[in-house]
Every structure is written in C-alpha cells, then in structure tokens.
Protein backbone atom coordinates (compact mmCIF):
# COMPACT_ATOMS: atom_id res chain seq x y z
CA UNK A 1 32.11 14.35 78.12
CA UNK A 2 32.92 16.93 75.67
CA UNK A 3 30.00 15.77 73.37
CA UNK A 4 27.65 15.87 76.22
CA UNK A 5 28.82 19.61 76.95
CA UNK A 6 28.34 20.41 73.09
CA UNK A 7 24.82 18.68 73.18
CA UNK A 8 23.93 20.91 76.36
CA UNK A 9 25.26 23.87 74.79
CA UNK A 10 23.34 23.36 71.37
CA UNK A 11 20.15 22.66 73.32
CA UNK A 12 20.15 25.89 75.13
CA UNK A 13 21.07 27.82 71.84
CA UNK A 14 18.37 26.05 70.05
CA UNK A 15 15.57 26.32 72.66
CA UNK A 16 14.24 29.80 71.73
CA UNK A 17 14.27 28.82 67.91
CA UNK A 18 12.34 25.55 68.70
CA UNK A 19 9.77 27.34 71.24
CA UNK A 20 8.64 29.32 68.29
CA UNK A 21 8.06 26.66 66.06
CA UNK A 22 6.67 23.86 67.91
CA UNK A 23 5.39 21.66 65.03
CA UNK A 24 7.81 22.80 62.50
CA UNK A 25 11.52 21.81 61.84
CA UNK A 26 13.79 24.82 62.61
CA UNK A 27 15.73 26.08 60.15
CA UNK A 28 19.37 25.68 60.14
CA UNK A 29 21.61 28.60 61.25
CA UNK A 30 22.46 30.78 58.08
CA UNK A 31 25.82 32.00 59.63
CA UNK A 32 27.70 28.94 60.82
CA UNK A 33 30.63 31.06 62.18
CA UNK A 34 28.41 33.03 64.55
CA UNK A 35 26.58 29.99 65.53
CA UNK A 36 29.93 28.28 66.34
CA UNK A 37 31.14 31.22 68.18
CA UNK A 38 27.94 31.30 70.41
CA UNK A 39 28.17 27.49 71.10
CA UNK A 40 31.93 27.77 71.86
CA UNK A 41 31.45 30.62 74.36
CA UNK A 42 28.62 28.77 76.00
CA UNK A 43 30.75 25.67 76.30
CA UNK A 44 33.70 27.59 77.65
CA UNK A 45 31.54 29.16 80.32
CA UNK A 46 30.82 25.36 81.37
CA UNK A 47 34.43 24.69 81.38
CA UNK A 48 35.21 23.29 77.95
CA UNK A 49 37.74 23.89 75.31
CA UNK A 50 36.68 26.98 73.03
CA UNK A 51 38.33 25.41 69.94
CA UNK A 52 36.92 21.98 70.36
CA UNK A 53 33.52 23.34 70.79
CA UNK A 54 33.93 25.58 67.87
CA UNK A 55 35.13 22.90 65.39
CA UNK A 56 32.22 20.63 66.66
CA UNK A 57 29.62 23.25 66.23
CA UNK A 58 30.89 24.52 62.85
CA UNK A 59 30.89 20.97 61.53
CA UNK A 60 27.52 20.10 62.84
CA UNK A 61 26.18 23.40 61.25
CA UNK A 62 27.66 22.49 57.86
CA UNK A 63 26.03 18.96 57.86
C-alpha cells in the first residue's frame, strides 16, 4: 500500500514534467531533498507516513 501511494505521488509530481517532453526522457530532479520533501508532503496528504515517503523518494532520486 505504501509503495502504491508513493507511485501515485510520484506520478502526480512528474506529470507536468513529462507533459512538456512527450517524446524525450525527463531529466532527473536536480535537488533530491526538495523532490523528496514534495513527494512526502503529497503522500502525507493522502494519509501516508511523511518519513517513509521522504526516504523512498530520496532513494529513488539518487538511483
């Protein structure tokens, strides 16, 4: 369930970026801390744990 919420949060965060570059691969976020904070805030608004969302998003950004 947590991974599903993270996927949903990342999808909503990435949608504007992907909408501008339909045929290109979007660039990874430059500031992983800011990206992870945004994902964590969105996940928390959906009822998730802020710390878990932050950690998962930060790790995903650094991959």
